[in-house]
Amino acid sequence: MAILNSQKQEIIKNFQRKELDTGSTEVQVALLTYKINDLTEHFKQHKHDYHGRRGLIAQVNKRKKLLSYLKKKNFDSYVKLIKELNIRK
């Protein structure tokens, strides 16, 4: 399932830096995390959806790149985002 527009707006509102921020690294990582979690639930039922799994792996790799960029540029924001999204335990 795709993220509904209302859900997307709520995610953006929770993770934006300032009023009209929709493309910061934090927002992008949060949106990717919610998409990844949604796809993970999909694959629990549909184990043989290999084409969809390819898209999941691409999203995980993109999130990993964005997180490494954020870690280099703003470590405090990185730690805060990791805790809020429960990405790494």
PDB file of N, CA and C in Angstrom:
ATOM      1  N   MET A   1       0.829  -1.186   0.000  1.00  0.00           N
ATOM      2  CA  MET A   1       0.000   0.000   0.000  1.00  0.00           C
ATOM      3  C   MET A   1       0.868   1.241   0.000  1.00  0.00           C
ATOM      4  N   ALA A   2       0.439   2.201  -0.718  1.00  0.00           N
ATOM      5  CA  ALA A   2       1.135   3.478  -0.734  1.00  0.00           C
ATOM      6  C   ALA A   2       0.700   4.301   0.479  1.00  0.00           C
ATOM      7  N   ILE A   3       1.526   5.249   0.833  1.00  0.00           N
ATOM      8  CA  ILE A   3       1.191   6.126   1.944  1.00  0.00           C
ATOM      9  C   ILE A   3       0.120   7.103   1.471  1.00  0.00           C
ATOM     10  N   LEU A   4      -0.940   7.235   2.244  1.00  0.00           N
ATOM     11  CA  LEU A   4      -1.995   8.178   1.903  1.00  0.00           C
ATOM     12  C   LEU A   4      -1.482   9.605   2.048  1.00  0.00           C
ATOM     13  N   ASN A   5      -2.097  10.519   1.328  1.00  0.00           N
ATOM     14  CA  ASN A   5      -1.666  11.910   1.355  1.00  0.00           C
ATOM     15  C   ASN A   5      -1.760  12.491   2.759  1.00  0.00           C
ATOM     16  N   SER A   6      -2.796  12.138   3.495  1.00  0.00           N
ATOM     17  CA  SER A   6      -2.940  12.652   4.858  1.00  0.00           C
ATOM     18  C   SER A   6      -1.840  12.110   5.766  1.00  0.00           C
ATOM     19  N   GLN A   7      -1.488  10.835   5.588  1.00  0.00           N
ATOM     20  CA  GLN A   7      -0.401  10.252   6.370  1.00  0.00           C
ATOM     21  C   GLN A   7       0.931  10.910   6.025  1.00  0.00           C
ATOM     22  N   LYS A   8       1.120  11.166   4.746  1.00  0.00           N
ATOM     23  CA  LYS A   8       2.357  11.799   4.288  1.00  0.00           C
ATOM     24  C   LYS A   8       2.497  13.198   4.879  1.00  0.00           C
ATOM     25  N   GLN A   9       1.422  13.954   4.882  1.00  0.00           N
ATOM     26  CA  GLN A   9       1.449  15.302   5.454  1.00  0.00           C
ATOM     27  C   GLN A   9       1.749  15.263   6.951  1.00  0.00           C
ATOM     28  N   GLU A  10       1.212  14.262   7.645  1.00  0.00           N
ATOM     29  CA  GLU A  10       1.460  14.120   9.078  1.00  0.00           C
ATOM     30  C   GLU A  10       2.930  13.798   9.351  1.00  0.00           C
ATOM     31  N   ILE A  11       3.503  12.927   8.535  1.00  0.00           N
ATOM     32  CA  ILE A  11       4.920  12.576   8.685  1.00  0.00           C
ATOM     33  C   ILE A  11       5.792  13.805   8.435  1.00  0.00           C
ATOM     34  N   ILE A  12       5.473  14.543   7.387  1.00  0.00           N
ATOM     35  CA  ILE A  12       6.237  15.749   7.071  1.00  0.00           C
ATOM     36  C   ILE A  12       6.135  16.747   8.214  1.00  0.00           C
ATOM     37  N   LYS A  13       4.939  16.916   8.756  1.00  0.00           N
ATOM     38  CA  LYS A  13       4.736  17.872   9.856  1.00  0.00           C
ATOM     39  C   LYS A  13       5.535  17.478  11.087  1.00  0.00           C
ATOM     40  N   ASN A  14       5.666  16.181  11.353  1.00  0.00           N
ATOM     41  CA  ASN A  14       6.397  15.717  12.530  1.00  0.00           C
ATOM     42  C   ASN A  14       7.908  15.876  12.409  1.00  0.00           C
ATOM     43  N   PHE A  15       8.454  15.802  11.202  1.00  0.00           N
ATOM     44  CA  PHE A  15       9.901  15.770  11.034  1.00  0.00           C
ATOM     45  C   PHE A  15      10.489  16.975  10.324  1.00  0.00           C
ATOM     46  N   GLN A  16       9.693  17.961   9.973  1.00  0.00           N
ATOM     47  CA  GLN A  16      10.239  19.116   9.258  1.00  0.00           C
ATOM     48  C   GLN A  16      11.026  20.024  10.185  1.00  0.00           C
ATOM     49  N   ARG A  17      12.008  20.720   9.623  1.00  0.00           N
ATOM     50  CA  ARG A  17      12.849  21.621  10.408  1.00  0.00           C
ATOM     51  C   ARG A  17      12.175  22.959  10.639  1.00  0.00           C
ATOM     52  N   LYS A  18      11.525  23.478   9.590  1.00  0.00           N
ATOM     53  CA  LYS A  18      10.828  24.758   9.682  1.00  0.00           C
ATOM     54  C   LYS A  18       9.493  24.650   8.957  1.00  0.00           C
ATOM     55  N   GLU A  19       8.793  25.740   8.832  1.00  0.00           N
ATOM     56  CA  GLU A  19       7.401  25.760   8.378  1.00  0.00           C
ATOM     57  C   GLU A  19       7.159  25.053   7.032  1.00  0.00           C
ATOM     58  N   LEU A  20       7.857  25.425   5.983  1.00  0.00           N
ATOM     59  CA  LEU A  20       7.578  24.890   4.649  1.00  0.00           C
ATOM     60  C   LEU A  20       8.586  23.828   4.204  1.00  0.00           C
ATOM     61  N   ASP A  21       9.251  23.193   5.142  1.00  0.00           N
ATOM     62  CA  ASP A  21      10.274  22.202   4.834  1.00  0.00           C
ATOM     63  C   ASP A  21       9.625  20.866   4.478  1.00  0.00           C
ATOM     64  N   THR A  22       9.840  20.430   3.237  1.00  0.00           N
ATOM     65  CA  THR A  22       9.306  19.128   2.824  1.00  0.00           C
ATOM     66  C   THR A  22      10.385  18.227   2.244  1.00  0.00           C
ATOM     67  N   GLY A  23      11.602  18.724   2.074  1.00  0.00           N
ATOM     68  CA  GLY A  23      12.628  17.933   1.409  1.00  0.00           C
ATOM     69  C   GLY A  23      13.903  17.766   2.189  1.00  0.00           C
ATOM     70  N   SER A  24      13.897  18.103   3.465  1.00  0.00           N
ATOM     71  CA  SER A  24      15.125  17.943   4.243  1.00  0.00           C
ATOM     72  C   SER A  24      15.439  16.464   4.409  1.00  0.00           C
ATOM     73  N   THR A  25      16.649  16.202   4.803  1.00  0.00           N
ATOM     74  CA  THR A  25      17.094  14.819   4.962  1.00  0.00           C
ATOM     75  C   THR A  25      16.243  14.073   5.975  1.00  0.00           C
ATOM     76  N   GLU A  26      15.882  14.752   7.064  1.00  0.00           N
ATOM     77  CA  GLU A  26      15.075  14.105   8.100  1.00  0.00           C
ATOM     78  C   GLU A  26      13.718  13.679   7.567  1.00  0.00           C
ATOM     79  N   VAL A  27      13.084  14.541   6.781  1.00  0.00           N
ATOM     80  CA  VAL A  27      11.763  14.234   6.211  1.00  0.00           C
ATOM     81  C   VAL A  27      11.879  13.080   5.215  1.00  0.00           C
ATOM     82  N   GLN A  28      12.914  13.108   4.381  1.00  0.00           N
ATOM     83  CA  GLN A  28      13.085  12.043   3.398  1.00  0.00           C
ATOM     84  C   GLN A  28      13.298  10.693   4.079  1.00  0.00           C
ATOM     85  N   VAL A  29      14.114  10.674   5.123  1.00  0.00           N
ATOM     86  CA  VAL A  29      14.368   9.418   5.839  1.00  0.00           C
ATOM     87  C   VAL A  29      13.092   8.922   6.508  1.00  0.00           C
ATOM     88  N   ALA A  30      12.320   9.830   7.091  1.00  0.00           N
ATOM     89  CA  ALA A  30      11.074   9.428   7.750  1.00  0.00           C
ATOM     90  C   ALA A  30      10.086   8.835   6.748  1.00  0.00           C
ATOM     91  N   LEU A  31       9.938   9.465   5.600  1.00  0.00           N
ATOM     92  CA  LEU A  31       9.021   8.936   4.574  1.00  0.00           C
ATOM     93  C   LEU A  31       9.491   7.578   4.069  1.00  0.00           C
ATOM     94  N   LEU A  32      10.785   7.443   3.830  1.00  0.00           N
ATOM     95  CA  LEU A  32      11.305   6.150   3.380  1.00  0.00           C
ATOM     96  C   LEU A  32      11.105   5.069   4.441  1.00  0.00           C
ATOM     97  N   THR A  33      11.260   5.432   5.698  1.00  0.00           N
ATOM     98  CA  THR A  33      11.085   4.458   6.777  1.00  0.00           C
ATOM     99  C   THR A  33       9.656   3.949   6.817  1.00  0.00           C
ATOM    100  N   TYR A  34       8.690   4.843   6.675  1.00  0.00           N
ATOM    101  CA  TYR A  34       7.301   4.398   6.681  1.00  0.00           C
ATOM    102  C   TYR A  34       6.973   3.538   5.463  1.00  0.00           C
ATOM    103  N   LYS A  35       7.563   3.865   4.307  1.00  0.00           N
ATOM    104  CA  LYS A  35       7.355   3.035   3.116  1.00  0.00           C
ATOM    105  C   LYS A  35       7.988   1.654   3.304  1.00  0.00           C
ATOM    106  N   ILE A  36       9.181   1.630   3.878  1.00  0.00           N
ATOM    107  CA  ILE A  36       9.883   0.366   4.109  1.00  0.00           C
ATOM    108  C   ILE A  36       9.097  -0.514   5.076  1.00  0.00           C
ATOM    109  N   ASN A  37       8.581   0.080   6.140  1.00  0.00           N
ATOM    110  CA  ASN A  37       7.787  -0.693   7.105  1.00  0.00           C
ATOM    111  C   ASN A  37       6.527  -1.253   6.452  1.00  0.00           C
ATOM    112  N   ASP A  38       5.895  -0.461   5.590  1.00  0.00           N
ATOM    113  CA  ASP A  38       4.698  -0.914   4.894  1.00  0.00           C
ATOM    114  C   ASP A  38       5.018  -2.076   3.955  1.00  0.00           C
ATOM    115  N   LEU A  39       6.120  -1.961   3.212  1.00  0.00           N
ATOM    116  CA  LEU A  39       6.503  -3.037   2.304  1.00  0.00           C
ATOM    117  C   LEU A  39       6.913  -4.293   3.065  1.00  0.00           C
ATOM    118  N   THR A  40       7.522  -4.126   4.219  1.00  0.00           N
ATOM    119  CA  THR A  40       7.916  -5.281   5.022  1.00  0.00           C
ATOM    120  C   THR A  40       6.687  -6.088   5.429  1.00  0.00           C
ATOM    121  N   GLU A  41       5.625  -5.399   5.810  1.00  0.00           N
ATOM    122  CA  GLU A  41       4.374  -6.088   6.133  1.00  0.00           C
ATOM    123  C   GLU A  41       3.811  -6.812   4.914  1.00  0.00           C
ATOM    124  N   HIS A  42       3.937  -6.204   3.745  1.00  0.00           N
ATOM    125  CA  HIS A  42       3.462  -6.816   2.507  1.00  0.00           C
ATOM    126  C   HIS A  42       4.199  -8.127   2.233  1.00  0.00           C
ATOM    127  N   PHE A  43       5.510  -8.120   2.467  1.00  0.00           N
ATOM    128  CA  PHE A  43       6.308  -9.311   2.160  1.00  0.00           C
ATOM    129  C   PHE A  43       6.120 -10.433   3.166  1.00  0.00           C
ATOM    130  N   LYS A  44       5.530 -10.150   4.310  1.00  0.00           N
ATOM    131  CA  LYS A  44       5.213 -11.228   5.245  1.00  0.00           C
ATOM    132  C   LYS A  44       4.121 -12.119   4.683  1.00  0.00           C
ATOM    133  N   GLN A  45       3.220 -11.548   3.880  1.00  0.00           N
ATOM    134  CA  GLN A  45       2.155 -12.324   3.252  1.00  0.00           C
ATOM    135  C   GLN A  45       2.553 -12.849   1.883  1.00  0.00           C
ATOM    136  N   HIS A  46       3.295 -12.055   1.124  1.00  0.00           N
ATOM    137  CA  HIS A  46       3.642 -12.386  -0.265  1.00  0.00           C
ATOM    138  C   HIS A  46       5.140 -12.653  -0.360  1.00  0.00           C
ATOM    139  N   LYS A  47       5.535 -13.854   0.011  1.00  0.00           N
ATOM    140  CA  LYS A  47       6.951 -14.197   0.091  1.00  0.00           C
ATOM    141  C   LYS A  47       7.634 -14.268  -1.273  1.00  0.00           C
ATOM    142  N   HIS A  48       6.898 -14.514  -2.328  1.00  0.00           N
ATOM    143  CA  HIS A  48       7.496 -14.695  -3.644  1.00  0.00           C
ATOM    144  C   HIS A  48       7.381 -13.467  -4.539  1.00  0.00           C
ATOM    145  N   ASP A  49       7.154 -12.318  -3.970  1.00  0.00           N
ATOM    146  CA  ASP A  49       7.081 -11.071  -4.741  1.00  0.00           C
ATOM    147  C   ASP A  49       8.501 -10.522  -4.900  1.00  0.00           C
ATOM    148  N   TYR A  50       9.232 -11.091  -5.835  1.00  0.00           N
ATOM    149  CA  TYR A  50      10.637 -10.735  -5.997  1.00  0.00           C
ATOM    150  C   TYR A  50      10.832  -9.369  -6.641  1.00  0.00           C
ATOM    151  N   HIS A  51       9.928  -8.976  -7.523  1.00  0.00           N
ATOM    152  CA  HIS A  51      10.051  -7.657  -8.154  1.00  0.00           C
ATOM    153  C   HIS A  51       9.824  -6.544  -7.137  1.00  0.00           C
ATOM    154  N   GLY A  52       8.873  -6.733  -6.266  1.00  0.00           N
ATOM    155  CA  GLY A  52       8.637  -5.751  -5.212  1.00  0.00           C
ATOM    156  C   GLY A  52       9.783  -5.690  -4.222  1.00  0.00           C
ATOM    157  N   ARG A  53      10.406  -6.828  -3.988  1.00  0.00           N
ATOM    158  CA  ARG A  53      11.547  -6.885  -3.066  1.00  0.00           C
ATOM    159  C   ARG A  53      12.718  -6.050  -3.599  1.00  0.00           C
ATOM    160  N   ARG A  54      12.849  -6.018  -4.915  1.00  0.00           N
ATOM    161  CA  ARG A  54      13.905  -5.204  -5.531  1.00  0.00           C
ATOM    162  C   ARG A  54      13.689  -3.723  -5.204  1.00  0.00           C
ATOM    163  N   GLY A  55      12.430  -3.280  -5.260  1.00  0.00           N
ATOM    164  CA  GLY A  55      12.119  -1.902  -4.906  1.00  0.00           C
ATOM    165  C   GLY A  55      12.375  -1.617  -3.439  1.00  0.00           C
ATOM    166  N   LEU A  56      12.085  -2.592  -2.591  1.00  0.00           N
ATOM    167  CA  LEU A  56      12.349  -2.446  -1.160  1.00  0.00           C
ATOM    168  C   LEU A  56      13.839  -2.275  -0.904  1.00  0.00           C
ATOM    169  N   ILE A  57      14.649  -3.083  -1.553  1.00  0.00           N
ATOM    170  CA  ILE A  57      16.093  -2.994  -1.368  1.00  0.00           C
ATOM    171  C   ILE A  57      16.611  -1.642  -1.843  1.00  0.00           C
ATOM    172  N   ALA A  58      16.063  -1.119  -2.936  1.00  0.00           N
ATOM    173  CA  ALA A  58      16.470   0.196  -3.433  1.00  0.00           C
ATOM    174  C   ALA A  58      16.132   1.280  -2.415  1.00  0.00           C
ATOM    175  N   GLN A  59      14.956   1.187  -1.789  1.00  0.00           N
ATOM    176  CA  GLN A  59      14.570   2.181  -0.785  1.00  0.00           C
ATOM    177  C   GLN A  59      15.432   2.087   0.460  1.00  0.00           C
ATOM    178  N   VAL A  60      15.779   0.881   0.874  1.00  0.00           N
ATOM    179  CA  VAL A  60      16.645   0.705   2.036  1.00  0.00           C
ATOM    180  C   VAL A  60      18.022   1.303   1.758  1.00  0.00           C
ATOM    181  N   ASN A  61      18.542   1.081   0.559  1.00  0.00           N
ATOM    182  CA  ASN A  61      19.848   1.634   0.203  1.00  0.00           C
ATOM    183  C   ASN A  61      19.817   3.162   0.151  1.00  0.00           C
ATOM    184  N   LYS A  62      18.733   3.722  -0.366  1.00  0.00           N
ATOM    185  CA  LYS A  62      18.615   5.179  -0.422  1.00  0.00           C
ATOM    186  C   LYS A  62      18.560   5.760   0.989  1.00  0.00           C
ATOM    187  N   ARG A  63      17.806   5.114   1.878  1.00  0.00           N
ATOM    188  CA  ARG A  63      17.725   5.577   3.263  1.00  0.00           C
ATOM    189  C   ARG A  63      19.092   5.489   3.934  1.00  0.00           C
ATOM    190  N   LYS A  64      19.830   4.428   3.643  1.00  0.00           N
ATOM    191  CA  LYS A  64      21.157   4.261   4.227  1.00  0.00           C
ATOM    192  C   LYS A  64      22.093   5.388   3.788  1.00  0.00           C
ATOM    193  N   LYS A  65      22.033   5.761   2.522  1.00  0.00           N
ATOM    194  CA  LYS A  65      22.859   6.865   2.022  1.00  0.00           C
ATOM    195  C   LYS A  65      22.475   8.194   2.682  1.00  0.00           C
ATOM    196  N   LEU A  66      21.177   8.433   2.806  1.00  0.00           N
ATOM    197  CA  LEU A  66      20.731   9.671   3.438  1.00  0.00           C
ATOM    198  C   LEU A  66      21.136   9.722   4.908  1.00  0.00           C
ATOM    199  N   LEU A  67      21.059   8.597   5.594  1.00  0.00           N
ATOM    200  CA  LEU A  67      21.464   8.558   6.998  1.00  0.00           C
ATOM    201  C   LEU A  67      22.959   8.779   7.162  1.00  0.00           C
ATOM    202  N   SER A  68      23.764   8.228   6.270  1.00  0.00           N
ATOM    203  CA  SER A  68      25.206   8.451   6.378  1.00  0.00           C
ATOM    204  C   SER A  68      25.544   9.914   6.096  1.00  0.00           C
ATOM    205  N   TYR A  69      24.826  10.540   5.168  1.00  0.00           N
ATOM    206  CA  TYR A  69      25.013  11.969   4.895  1.00  0.00           C
ATOM    207  C   TYR A  69      24.641  12.800   6.127  1.00  0.00           C
ATOM    208  N   LEU A  70      23.518  12.479   6.735  1.00  0.00           N
ATOM    209  CA  LEU A  70      23.068  13.216   7.915  1.00  0.00           C
ATOM    210  C   LEU A  70      24.034  13.015   9.078  1.00  0.00           C
ATOM    211  N   LYS A  71      24.581  11.825   9.197  1.00  0.00           N
ATOM    212  CA  LYS A  71      25.537  11.540  10.271  1.00  0.00           C
ATOM    213  C   LYS A  71      26.784  12.403  10.129  1.00  0.00           C
ATOM    214  N   LYS A  72      27.224  12.618   8.889  1.00  0.00           N
ATOM    215  CA  LYS A  72      28.406  13.460   8.662  1.00  0.00           C
ATOM    216  C   LYS A  72      28.109  14.935   8.889  1.00  0.00           C
ATOM    217  N   LYS A  73      26.931  15.401   8.464  1.00  0.00           N
ATOM    218  CA  LYS A  73      26.611  16.826   8.495  1.00  0.00           C
ATOM    219  C   LYS A  73      26.076  17.303   9.841  1.00  0.00           C
ATOM    220  N   ASN A  74      25.205  16.495  10.470  1.00  0.00           N
ATOM    221  CA  ASN A  74      24.560  16.938  11.708  1.00  0.00           C
ATOM    222  C   ASN A  74      24.319  15.711  12.598  1.00  0.00           C
ATOM    223  N   PHE A  75      25.320  15.383  13.401  1.00  0.00           N
ATOM    224  CA  PHE A  75      25.269  14.152  14.190  1.00  0.00           C
ATOM    225  C   PHE A  75      24.145  14.169  15.218  1.00  0.00           C
ATOM    226  N   ASP A  76      23.873  15.324  15.828  1.00  0.00           N
ATOM    227  CA  ASP A  76      22.807  15.397  16.833  1.00  0.00           C
ATOM    228  C   ASP A  76      21.442  15.089  16.218  1.00  0.00           C
ATOM    229  N   SER A  77      21.199  15.629  15.046  1.00  0.00           N
ATOM    230  CA  SER A  77      19.943  15.376  14.343  1.00  0.00           C
ATOM    231  C   SER A  77      19.846  13.900  13.938  1.00  0.00           C
ATOM    232  N   TYR A  78      20.974  13.317  13.569  1.00  0.00           N
ATOM    233  CA  TYR A  78      21.030  11.901  13.206  1.00  0.00           C
ATOM    234  C   TYR A  78      20.612  11.015  14.381  1.00  0.00           C
ATOM    235  N   VAL A  79      21.187  11.274  15.541  1.00  0.00           N
ATOM    236  CA  VAL A  79      20.880  10.472  16.734  1.00  0.00           C
ATOM    237  C   VAL A  79      19.409  10.622  17.112  1.00  0.00           C
ATOM    238  N   LYS A  80      18.901  11.851  17.052  1.00  0.00           N
ATOM    239  CA  LYS A  80      17.496  12.112  17.387  1.00  0.00           C
ATOM    240  C   LYS A  80      16.560  11.362  16.430  1.00  0.00           C
ATOM    241  N   LEU A  81      16.878  11.397  15.146  1.00  0.00           N
ATOM    242  CA  LEU A  81      16.042  10.749  14.130  1.00  0.00           C
ATOM    243  C   LEU A  81      16.058   9.219  14.296  1.00  0.00           C
ATOM    244  N   ILE A  82      17.213   8.654  14.573  1.00  0.00           N
ATOM    245  CA  ILE A  82      17.330   7.214  14.786  1.00  0.00           C
ATOM    246  C   ILE A  82      16.456   6.778  15.970  1.00  0.00           C
ATOM    247  N   LYS A  83      16.471   7.562  17.042  1.00  0.00           N
ATOM    248  CA  LYS A  83      15.674   7.218  18.218  1.00  0.00           C
ATOM    249  C   LYS A  83      14.181   7.338  17.931  1.00  0.00           C
ATOM    250  N   GLU A  84      13.773   8.405  17.234  1.00  0.00           N
ATOM    251  CA  GLU A  84      12.348   8.617  16.959  1.00  0.00           C
ATOM    252  C   GLU A  84      11.771   7.545  16.049  1.00  0.00           C
ATOM    253  N   LEU A  85      12.556   7.119  15.070  1.00  0.00           N
ATOM    254  CA  LEU A  85      12.049   6.154  14.093  1.00  0.00           C
ATOM    255  C   LEU A  85      12.325   4.706  14.482  1.00  0.00           C
ATOM    256  N   ASN A  86      13.084   4.488  15.547  1.00  0.00           N
ATOM    257  CA  ASN A  86      13.456   3.138  15.992  1.00  0.00           C
ATOM    258  C   ASN A  86      14.080   2.327  14.859  1.00  0.00           C
ATOM    259  N   ILE A  87      15.035   2.941  14.171  1.00  0.00           N
ATOM    260  CA  ILE A  87      15.668   2.265  13.037  1.00  0.00           C
ATOM    261  C   ILE A  87      16.711   1.274  13.529  1.00  0.00           C
ATOM    262  N   ARG A  88      17.602   1.741  14.369  1.00  0.00           N
ATOM    263  CA  ARG A  88      18.664   0.878  14.888  1.00  0.00           C
ATOM    264  C   ARG A  88      18.462   0.689  16.363  1.00  0.00           C
ATOM    265  N   LYS A  89      18.622  -0.507  16.821  1.00  0.00           N
ATOM    266  CA  LYS A  89      18.377  -0.788  18.227  1.00  0.00           C
ATOM    267  C   LYS A  89      19.640  -0.660  19.035  1.00  0.00           C
TER     268      LYS A  89
END
